[in-house]
Amino acid sequence: PDVVYPKETAELVEALCRRYAGTRSDLIRSAIPARH
């Protein structure tokens, strides 16, 4: 139930994908640690 991908992170990832020709899932892998 933890909100690990807040609106600010979503906007940041979207902008970086446009900047670096990336996919959101690749950046989310760096932005959010693996759940424990």
PDB file of all heavy atoms in Angstrom:
ATOM      1  N   PRO A   1       0.803  -1.230   0.000  1.00  0.00           N
ATOM      2  CA  PRO A   1       0.000   0.000   0.000  1.00  0.00           C
ATOM      3  C   PRO A   1       0.835   1.280   0.000  1.00  0.00           C
ATOM      4  O   PRO A   1       0.281   2.374  -0.101  1.00  0.00           O
ATOM      5  CB  PRO A   1      -0.809  -0.117   1.300  1.00  0.00           C
ATOM      6  CG  PRO A   1       0.055  -0.944   2.202  1.00  0.00           C
ATOM      7  CD  PRO A   1       0.762  -1.917   1.306  1.00  0.00           C
ATOM      8  N   ASP A   2       2.167   1.169   0.109  1.00  0.00           N
ATOM      9  CA  ASP A   2       3.017   2.357   0.126  1.00  0.00           C
ATOM     10  C   ASP A   2       3.057   3.009  -1.256  1.00  0.00           C
ATOM     11  O   ASP A   2       3.273   2.336  -2.268  1.00  0.00           O
ATOM     12  CB  ASP A   2       4.441   1.987   0.544  1.00  0.00           C
ATOM     13  CG  ASP A   2       4.530   1.614   2.009  1.00  0.00           C
ATOM     14  OD1 ASP A   2       4.149   2.434   2.852  1.00  0.00           O
ATOM     15  OD2 ASP A   2       4.964   0.482   2.294  1.00  0.00           O
ATOM     16  N   VAL A   3       2.882   4.311  -1.276  1.00  0.00           N
ATOM     17  CA  VAL A   3       2.948   5.077  -2.531  1.00  0.00           C
ATOM     18  C   VAL A   3       4.426   5.357  -2.831  1.00  0.00           C
ATOM     19  O   VAL A   3       5.013   6.320  -2.326  1.00  0.00           O
ATOM     20  CB  VAL A   3       2.151   6.389  -2.417  1.00  0.00           C
ATOM     21  CG1 VAL A   3       2.283   7.196  -3.702  1.00  0.00           C
ATOM     22  CG2 VAL A   3       0.691   6.106  -2.118  1.00  0.00           C
ATOM     23  N   VAL A   4       5.014   4.502  -3.653  1.00  0.00           N
ATOM     24  CA  VAL A   4       6.444   4.598  -3.945  1.00  0.00           C
ATOM     25  C   VAL A   4       6.732   5.386  -5.218  1.00  0.00           C
ATOM     26  O   VAL A   4       7.886   5.666  -5.532  1.00  0.00           O
ATOM     27  CB  VAL A   4       7.067   3.187  -4.056  1.00  0.00           C
ATOM     28  CG1 VAL A   4       6.997   2.462  -2.729  1.00  0.00           C
ATOM     29  CG2 VAL A   4       6.395   2.376  -5.149  1.00  0.00           C
ATOM     30  N   TYR A   5       5.691   5.730  -5.963  1.00  0.00           N
ATOM     31  CA  TYR A   5       5.857   6.453  -7.225  1.00  0.00           C
ATOM     32  C   TYR A   5       4.946   7.681  -7.209  1.00  0.00           C
ATOM     33  O   TYR A   5       3.944   7.745  -7.912  1.00  0.00           O
ATOM     34  CB  TYR A   5       5.507   5.523  -8.395  1.00  0.00           C
ATOM     35  CG  TYR A   5       5.920   6.017  -9.764  1.00  0.00           C
ATOM     36  CD1 TYR A   5       7.256   6.212 -10.079  1.00  0.00           C
ATOM     37  CD2 TYR A   5       4.966   6.246 -10.760  1.00  0.00           C
ATOM     38  CE1 TYR A   5       7.638   6.640 -11.333  1.00  0.00           C
ATOM     39  CE2 TYR A   5       5.338   6.664 -12.025  1.00  0.00           C
ATOM     40  CZ  TYR A   5       6.673   6.865 -12.308  1.00  0.00           C
ATOM     41  OH  TYR A   5       7.057   7.281 -13.567  1.00  0.00           O
ATOM     42  N   PRO A   6       5.282   8.673  -6.366  1.00  0.00           N
ATOM     43  CA  PRO A   6       4.422   9.856  -6.251  1.00  0.00           C
ATOM     44  C   PRO A   6       4.426  10.675  -7.537  1.00  0.00           C
ATOM     45  O   PRO A   6       5.224  10.449  -8.453  1.00  0.00           O
ATOM     46  CB  PRO A   6       5.046  10.627  -5.085  1.00  0.00           C
ATOM     47  CG  PRO A   6       6.465  10.171  -5.042  1.00  0.00           C
ATOM     48  CD  PRO A   6       6.468   8.745  -5.502  1.00  0.00           C
ATOM     49  N   LYS A   7       3.562  11.659  -7.561  1.00  0.00           N
ATOM     50  CA  LYS A   7       3.384  12.479  -8.760  1.00  0.00           C
ATOM     51  C   LYS A   7       4.683  13.156  -9.180  1.00  0.00           C
ATOM     52  O   LYS A   7       5.000  13.226 -10.377  1.00  0.00           O
ATOM     53  CB  LYS A   7       2.304  13.534  -8.492  1.00  0.00           C
ATOM     54  CG  LYS A   7       2.032  14.449  -9.670  1.00  0.00           C
ATOM     55  CD  LYS A   7       0.989  15.488  -9.318  1.00  0.00           C
ATOM     56  CE  LYS A   7       0.749  16.446 -10.481  1.00  0.00           C
ATOM     57  NZ  LYS A   7      -0.240  17.494 -10.139  1.00  0.00           N
ATOM     58  N   GLU A   8       5.473  13.649  -8.221  1.00  0.00           N
ATOM     59  CA  GLU A   8       6.719  14.335  -8.552  1.00  0.00           C
ATOM     60  C   GLU A   8       7.698  13.398  -9.261  1.00  0.00           C
ATOM     61  O   GLU A   8       8.361  13.788 -10.227  1.00  0.00           O
ATOM     62  CB  GLU A   8       7.380  14.904  -7.287  1.00  0.00           C
ATOM     63  CG  GLU A   8       6.600  16.016  -6.610  1.00  0.00           C
ATOM     64  CD  GLU A   8       5.477  15.483  -5.731  1.00  0.00           C
ATOM     65  OE1 GLU A   8       5.344  14.241  -5.612  1.00  0.00           O
ATOM     66  OE2 GLU A   8       4.733  16.304  -5.167  1.00  0.00           O
ATOM     67  N   THR A   9       7.781  12.157  -8.787  1.00  0.00           N
ATOM     68  CA  THR A   9       8.672  11.190  -9.433  1.00  0.00           C
ATOM     69  C   THR A   9       8.173  10.837 -10.816  1.00  0.00           C
ATOM     70  O   THR A   9       8.967  10.691 -11.760  1.00  0.00           O
ATOM     71  CB  THR A   9       8.789   9.916  -8.569  1.00  0.00           C
ATOM     72  OG1 THR A   9       9.241  10.266  -7.264  1.00  0.00           O
ATOM     73  CG2 THR A   9       9.759   8.930  -9.180  1.00  0.00           C
ATOM     74  N   ALA A  10       6.862  10.708 -10.975  1.00  0.00           N
ATOM     75  CA  ALA A  10       6.290  10.388 -12.285  1.00  0.00           C
ATOM     76  C   ALA A  10       6.615  11.483 -13.295  1.00  0.00           C
ATOM     77  O   ALA A  10       7.010  11.201 -14.443  1.00  0.00           O
ATOM     78  CB  ALA A  10       4.786  10.193 -12.161  1.00  0.00           C
ATOM     79  N   GLU A  11       6.486  12.737 -12.894  1.00  0.00           N
ATOM     80  CA  GLU A  11       6.800  13.842 -13.799  1.00  0.00           C
ATOM     81  C   GLU A  11       8.283  13.874 -14.136  1.00  0.00           C
ATOM     82  O   GLU A  11       8.673  14.155 -15.279  1.00  0.00           O
ATOM     83  CB  GLU A  11       6.378  15.161 -13.155  1.00  0.00           C
ATOM     84  CG  GLU A  11       4.868  15.321 -13.014  1.00  0.00           C
ATOM     85  CD  GLU A  11       4.491  16.586 -12.270  1.00  0.00           C
ATOM     86  OE1 GLU A  11       5.409  17.241 -11.710  1.00  0.00           O
ATOM     87  OE2 GLU A  11       3.302  16.935 -12.240  1.00  0.00           O
ATOM     88  N   LEU A  12       9.133  13.570 -13.152  1.00  0.00           N
ATOM     89  CA  LEU A  12      10.573  13.542 -13.383  1.00  0.00           C
ATOM     90  C   LEU A  12      10.945  12.441 -14.370  1.00  0.00           C
ATOM     91  O   LEU A  12      11.719  12.669 -15.319  1.00  0.00           O
ATOM     92  CB  LEU A  12      11.294  13.335 -12.049  1.00  0.00           C
ATOM     93  CG  LEU A  12      12.815  13.213 -12.091  1.00  0.00           C
ATOM     94  CD1 LEU A  12      13.449  14.498 -12.596  1.00  0.00           C
ATOM     95  CD2 LEU A  12      13.362  12.849 -10.707  1.00  0.00           C
ATOM     96  N   VAL A  13      10.388  11.255 -14.177  1.00  0.00           N
ATOM     97  CA  VAL A  13      10.684  10.130 -15.067  1.00  0.00           C
ATOM     98  C   VAL A  13      10.205  10.416 -16.478  1.00  0.00           C
ATOM     99  O   VAL A  13      10.907  10.125 -17.460  1.00  0.00           O
ATOM    100  CB  VAL A  13      10.057   8.838 -14.505  1.00  0.00           C
ATOM    101  CG1 VAL A  13      10.078   7.730 -15.548  1.00  0.00           C
ATOM    102  CG2 VAL A  13      10.793   8.393 -13.246  1.00  0.00           C
ATOM    103  N   GLU A  14       9.036  10.996 -16.623  1.00  0.00           N
ATOM    104  CA  GLU A  14       8.513  11.340 -17.952  1.00  0.00           C
ATOM    105  C   GLU A  14       9.471  12.295 -18.663  1.00  0.00           C
ATOM    106  O   GLU A  14       9.787  12.118 -19.852  1.00  0.00           O
ATOM    107  CB  GLU A  14       7.133  11.984 -17.823  1.00  0.00           C
ATOM    108  CG  GLU A  14       6.026  11.041 -17.386  1.00  0.00           C
ATOM    109  CD  GLU A  14       5.492  10.203 -18.530  1.00  0.00           C
ATOM    110  OE1 GLU A  14       5.954  10.395 -19.669  1.00  0.00           O
ATOM    111  OE2 GLU A  14       4.633   9.345 -18.283  1.00  0.00           O
ATOM    112  N   ALA A  15       9.933  13.318 -17.962  1.00  0.00           N
ATOM    113  CA  ALA A  15      10.825  14.299 -18.575  1.00  0.00           C
ATOM    114  C   ALA A  15      12.153  13.664 -18.980  1.00  0.00           C
ATOM    115  O   ALA A  15      12.691  13.958 -20.063  1.00  0.00           O
ATOM    116  CB  ALA A  15      11.062  15.463 -17.615  1.00  0.00           C
ATOM    117  N   LEU A  16      12.696  12.802 -18.141  1.00  0.00           N
ATOM    118  CA  LEU A  16      13.980  12.173 -18.445  1.00  0.00           C
ATOM    119  C   LEU A  16      13.859  11.179 -19.589  1.00  0.00           C
ATOM    120  O   LEU A  16      14.813  10.997 -20.360  1.00  0.00           O
ATOM    121  CB  LEU A  16      14.537  11.489 -17.196  1.00  0.00           C
ATOM    122  CG  LEU A  16      14.963  12.444 -16.076  1.00  0.00           C
ATOM    123  CD1 LEU A  16      15.306  11.662 -14.821  1.00  0.00           C
ATOM    124  CD2 LEU A  16      16.150  13.294 -16.504  1.00  0.00           C
ATOM    125  N   CYS A  17      12.724  10.544 -19.721  1.00  0.00           N
ATOM    126  CA  CYS A  17      12.515   9.638 -20.859  1.00  0.00           C
ATOM    127  C   CYS A  17      12.538  10.411 -22.171  1.00  0.00           C
ATOM    128  O   CYS A  17      13.101   9.948 -23.173  1.00  0.00           O
ATOM    129  CB  CYS A  17      11.187   8.901 -20.707  1.00  0.00           C
ATOM    130  SG  CYS A  17      11.228   7.537 -19.546  1.00  0.00           S
ATOM    131  N   ARG A  18      11.925  11.569 -22.175  1.00  0.00           N
ATOM    132  CA  ARG A  18      11.963  12.392 -23.387  1.00  0.00           C
ATOM    133  C   ARG A  18      13.378  12.902 -23.651  1.00  0.00           C
ATOM    134  O   ARG A  18      13.801  13.004 -24.799  1.00  0.00           O
ATOM    135  CB  ARG A  18      11.008  13.574 -23.252  1.00  0.00           C
ATOM    136  CG  ARG A  18       9.541  13.189 -23.167  1.00  0.00           C
ATOM    137  CD  ARG A  18       8.644  14.408 -23.312  1.00  0.00           C
ATOM    138  NE  ARG A  18       8.850  15.380 -22.247  1.00  0.00           N
ATOM    139  CZ  ARG A  18       8.184  15.390 -21.099  1.00  0.00           C
ATOM    140  NH1 ARG A  18       7.264  14.443 -20.851  1.00  0.00           N
ATOM    141  NH2 ARG A  18       8.419  16.314 -20.189  1.00  0.00           N
ATOM    142  N   ARG A  19      14.101  13.195 -22.609  1.00  0.00           N
ATOM    143  CA  ARG A  19      15.459  13.731 -22.747  1.00  0.00           C
ATOM    144  C   ARG A  19      16.440  12.674 -23.232  1.00  0.00           C
ATOM    145  O   ARG A  19      17.301  12.938 -24.074  1.00  0.00           O
ATOM    146  CB  ARG A  19      15.903  14.269 -21.381  1.00  0.00           C
ATOM    147  CG  ARG A  19      17.379  14.626 -21.264  1.00  0.00           C
ATOM    148  CD  ARG A  19      17.613  16.037 -21.700  1.00  0.00           C
ATOM    149  NE  ARG A  19      18.937  16.469 -21.329  1.00  0.00           N
ATOM    150  CZ  ARG A  19      20.038  16.287 -22.062  1.00  0.00           C
ATOM    151  NH1 ARG A  19      19.960  15.666 -23.218  1.00  0.00           N
ATOM    152  NH2 ARG A  19      21.210  16.739 -21.652  1.00  0.00           N
ATOM    153  N   TYR A  20      16.322  11.455 -22.702  1.00  0.00           N
ATOM    154  CA  TYR A  20      17.319  10.409 -22.945  1.00  0.00           C
ATOM    155  C   TYR A  20      16.828   9.264 -23.823  1.00  0.00           C
ATOM    156  O   TYR A  20      17.497   8.228 -23.898  1.00  0.00           O
ATOM    157  CB  TYR A  20      17.798   9.841 -21.610  1.00  0.00           C
ATOM    158  CG  TYR A  20      18.776  10.737 -20.882  1.00  0.00           C
ATOM    159  CD1 TYR A  20      18.373  11.561 -19.844  1.00  0.00           C
ATOM    160  CD2 TYR A  20      20.116  10.761 -21.247  1.00  0.00           C
ATOM    161  CE1 TYR A  20      19.270  12.385 -19.171  1.00  0.00           C
ATOM    162  CE2 TYR A  20      21.032  11.573 -20.587  1.00  0.00           C
ATOM    163  CZ  TYR A  20      20.602  12.384 -19.554  1.00  0.00           C
ATOM    164  OH  TYR A  20      21.504  13.186 -18.909  1.00  0.00           O
ATOM    165  N   ALA A  21      15.685   9.405 -24.465  1.00  0.00           N
ATOM    166  CA  ALA A  21      15.157   8.359 -25.350  1.00  0.00           C
ATOM    167  C   ALA A  21      14.998   7.038 -24.593  1.00  0.00           C
ATOM    168  O   ALA A  21      15.313   5.964 -25.109  1.00  0.00           O
ATOM    169  CB  ALA A  21      16.071   8.157 -26.567  1.00  0.00           C
ATOM    170  N   GLY A  22      14.510   7.122 -23.361  1.00  0.00           N
ATOM    171  CA  GLY A  22      14.397   5.932 -22.530  1.00  0.00           C
ATOM    172  C   GLY A  22      12.978   5.451 -22.366  1.00  0.00           C
ATOM    173  O   GLY A  22      12.018   6.060 -22.855  1.00  0.00           O
ATOM    174  N   THR A  23      12.827   4.336 -21.685  1.00  0.00           N
ATOM    175  CA  THR A  23      11.515   3.811 -21.306  1.00  0.00           C
ATOM    176  C   THR A  23      11.326   4.025 -19.811  1.00  0.00           C
ATOM    177  O   THR A  23      12.278   3.988 -19.031  1.00  0.00           O
ATOM    178  CB  THR A  23      11.398   2.309 -21.630  1.00  0.00           C
ATOM    179  OG1 THR A  23      12.396   1.590 -20.895  1.00  0.00           O
ATOM    180  CG2 THR A  23      11.610   2.056 -23.115  1.00  0.00           C
ATOM    181  N   ARG A  24      10.086   4.247 -19.429  1.00  0.00           N
ATOM    182  CA  ARG A  24       9.804   4.564 -18.031  1.00  0.00           C
ATOM    183  C   ARG A  24      10.190   3.430 -17.093  1.00  0.00           C
ATOM    184  O   ARG A  24      10.680   3.664 -15.992  1.00  0.00           O
ATOM    185  CB  ARG A  24       8.318   4.911 -17.877  1.00  0.00           C
ATOM    186  CG  ARG A  24       7.979   6.308 -18.346  1.00  0.00           C
ATOM    187  CD  ARG A  24       6.505   6.597 -18.252  1.00  0.00           C
ATOM    188  NE  ARG A  24       5.761   5.898 -19.291  1.00  0.00           N
ATOM    189  CZ  ARG A  24       4.456   6.031 -19.487  1.00  0.00           C
ATOM    190  NH1 ARG A  24       3.753   6.838 -18.720  1.00  0.00           N
ATOM    191  NH2 ARG A  24       3.859   5.367 -20.458  1.00  0.00           N
ATOM    192  N   SER A  25       9.993   2.189 -17.512  1.00  0.00           N
ATOM    193  CA  SER A  25      10.304   1.069 -16.619  1.00  0.00           C
ATOM    194  C   SER A  25      11.798   0.990 -16.320  1.00  0.00           C
ATOM    195  O   SER A  25      12.203   0.601 -15.217  1.00  0.00           O
ATOM    196  CB  SER A  25       9.814  -0.246 -17.227  1.00  0.00           C
ATOM    197  OG  SER A  25      10.369  -0.444 -18.512  1.00  0.00           O
ATOM    198  N   ASP A  26      12.653   1.378 -17.283  1.00  0.00           N
ATOM    199  CA  ASP A  26      14.099   1.379 -17.037  1.00  0.00           C
ATOM    200  C   ASP A  26      14.473   2.426 -15.988  1.00  0.00           C
ATOM    201  O   ASP A  26      15.321   2.183 -15.123  1.00  0.00           O
ATOM    202  CB  ASP A  26      14.856   1.659 -18.335  1.00  0.00           C
ATOM    203  CG  ASP A  26      14.862   0.465 -19.271  1.00  0.00           C
ATOM    204  OD1 ASP A  26      14.630  -0.658 -18.794  1.00  0.00           O
ATOM    205  OD2 ASP A  26      15.084   0.656 -20.482  1.00  0.00           O
ATOM    206  N   LEU A  27      13.846   3.595 -16.066  1.00  0.00           N
ATOM    207  CA  LEU A  27      14.146   4.635 -15.083  1.00  0.00           C
ATOM    208  C   LEU A  27      13.531   4.331 -13.728  1.00  0.00           C
ATOM    209  O   LEU A  27      14.114   4.646 -12.688  1.00  0.00           O
ATOM    210  CB  LEU A  27      13.635   5.984 -15.599  1.00  0.00           C
ATOM    211  CG  LEU A  27      14.548   6.660 -16.619  1.00  0.00           C
ATOM    212  CD1 LEU A  27      13.859   7.845 -17.252  1.00  0.00           C
ATOM    213  CD2 LEU A  27      15.847   7.095 -15.976  1.00  0.00           C
ATOM    214  N   ILE A  28      12.365   3.712 -13.716  1.00  0.00           N
ATOM    215  CA  ILE A  28      11.734   3.341 -12.445  1.00  0.00           C
ATOM    216  C   ILE A  28      12.599   2.334 -11.694  1.00  0.00           C
ATOM    217  O   ILE A  28      12.673   2.359 -10.461  1.00  0.00           O
ATOM    218  CB  ILE A  28      10.319   2.789 -12.705  1.00  0.00           C
ATOM    219  CG1 ILE A  28       9.393   3.930 -13.139  1.00  0.00           C
ATOM    220  CG2 ILE A  28       9.751   2.096 -11.471  1.00  0.00           C
ATOM    221  CD1 ILE A  28       8.034   3.478 -13.615  1.00  0.00           C
ATOM    222  N   ARG A  29      13.288   1.498 -12.417  1.00  0.00           N
ATOM    223  CA  ARG A  29      14.208   0.535 -11.798  1.00  0.00           C
ATOM    224  C   ARG A  29      15.287   1.249 -10.994  1.00  0.00           C
ATOM    225  O   ARG A  29      15.702   0.782  -9.925  1.00  0.00           O
ATOM    226  CB  ARG A  29      14.844  -0.307 -12.905  1.00  0.00           C
ATOM    227  CG  ARG A  29      15.944  -1.255 -12.463  1.00  0.00           C
ATOM    228  CD  ARG A  29      16.715  -1.748 -13.670  1.00  0.00           C
ATOM    229  NE  ARG A  29      17.294  -0.638 -14.399  1.00  0.00           N
ATOM    230  CZ  ARG A  29      17.618  -0.672 -15.675  1.00  0.00           C
ATOM    231  NH1 ARG A  29      17.397  -1.752 -16.392  1.00  0.00           N
ATOM    232  NH2 ARG A  29      18.157   0.388 -16.259  1.00  0.00           N
ATOM    233  N   SER A  30      15.755   2.405 -11.485  1.00  0.00           N
ATOM    234  CA  SER A  30      16.750   3.186 -10.747  1.00  0.00           C
ATOM    235  C   SER A  30      16.116   4.040  -9.660  1.00  0.00           C
ATOM    236  O   SER A  30      16.723   4.284  -8.619  1.00  0.00           O
ATOM    237  CB  SER A  30      17.525   4.093 -11.718  1.00  0.00           C
ATOM    238  OG  SER A  30      18.230   3.337 -12.668  1.00  0.00           O
ATOM    239  N   ALA A  31      14.891   4.508  -9.915  1.00  0.00           N
ATOM    240  CA  ALA A  31      14.261   5.446  -8.991  1.00  0.00           C
ATOM    241  C   ALA A  31      13.691   4.770  -7.753  1.00  0.00           C
ATOM    242  O   ALA A  31      13.653   5.373  -6.677  1.00  0.00           O
ATOM    243  CB  ALA A  31      13.151   6.205  -9.716  1.00  0.00           C
ATOM    244  N   ILE A  32      13.226   3.524  -7.880  1.00  0.00           N
ATOM    245  CA  ILE A  32      12.563   2.836  -6.769  1.00  0.00           C
ATOM    246  C   ILE A  32      13.350   1.575  -6.422  1.00  0.00           C
ATOM    247  O   ILE A  32      13.494   0.678  -7.267  1.00  0.00           O
ATOM    248  CB  ILE A  32      11.114   2.452  -7.131  1.00  0.00           C
ATOM    249  CG1 ILE A  32      10.344   3.684  -7.610  1.00  0.00           C
ATOM    250  CG2 ILE A  32      10.420   1.822  -5.943  1.00  0.00           C
ATOM    251  CD1 ILE A  32       8.943   3.377  -8.093  1.00  0.00           C
ATOM    252  N   PRO A  33      13.860   1.446  -5.209  1.00  0.00           N
ATOM    253  CA  PRO A  33      14.577   0.217  -4.831  1.00  0.00           C
ATOM    254  C   PRO A  33      13.645  -0.990  -4.831  1.00  0.00           C
ATOM    255  O   PRO A  33      12.417  -0.856  -4.733  1.00  0.00           O
ATOM    256  CB  PRO A  33      15.073   0.521  -3.409  1.00  0.00           C
ATOM    257  CG  PRO A  33      14.957   1.990  -3.242  1.00  0.00           C
ATOM    258  CD  PRO A  33      13.836   2.438  -4.125  1.00  0.00           C
ATOM    259  N   ALA A  34      14.235  -2.162  -4.942  1.00  0.00           N
ATOM    260  CA  ALA A  34      13.453  -3.399  -4.880  1.00  0.00           C
ATOM    261  C   ALA A  34      12.747  -3.507  -3.528  1.00  0.00           C
ATOM    262  O   ALA A  34      13.317  -3.162  -2.486  1.00  0.00           O
ATOM    263  CB  ALA A  34      14.366  -4.605  -5.099  1.00  0.00           C
ATOM    264  N   ARG A  35      11.515  -3.978  -3.567  1.00  0.00           N
ATOM    265  CA  ARG A  35      10.734  -4.065  -2.332  1.00  0.00           C
ATOM    266  C   ARG A  35      11.300  -5.138  -1.411  1.00  0.00           C
ATOM    267  O   ARG A  35      11.771  -6.177  -1.855  1.00  0.00           O
ATOM    268  CB  ARG A  35       9.276  -4.400  -2.662  1.00  0.00           C
ATOM    269  CG  ARG A  35       8.398  -4.616  -1.430  1.00  0.00           C
ATOM    270  CD  ARG A  35       6.971  -4.930  -1.809  1.00  0.00           C
ATOM    271  NE  ARG A  35       6.161  -5.195  -0.624  1.00  0.00           N
ATOM    272  CZ  ARG A  35       5.890  -6.408  -0.161  1.00  0.00           C
ATOM    273  NH1 ARG A  35       6.362  -7.471  -0.788  1.00  0.00           N
ATOM    274  NH2 ARG A  35       5.159  -6.567   0.941  1.00  0.00           N
ATOM    275  N   HIS A  36      11.235  -4.846  -0.116  1.00  0.00           N
ATOM    276  CA  HIS A  36      11.635  -5.820   0.904  1.00  0.00           C
ATOM    277  C   HIS A  36      10.571  -5.797   1.984  1.00  0.00           C
ATOM    278  O   HIS A  36      10.363  -4.773   2.651  1.00  0.00           O
ATOM    279  CB  HIS A  36      13.004  -5.470   1.485  1.00  0.00           C
ATOM    280  CG  HIS A  36      13.616  -6.577   2.279  1.00  0.00           C
ATOM    281  ND1 HIS A  36      13.162  -6.931   3.538  1.00  0.00           N
ATOM    282  CD2 HIS A  36      14.636  -7.430   1.988  1.00  0.00           C
ATOM    283  CE1 HIS A  36      13.887  -7.936   3.995  1.00  0.00           C
ATOM    284  NE2 HIS A  36      14.796  -8.256   3.077  1.00  0.00           N
TER     285      HIS A  36
END
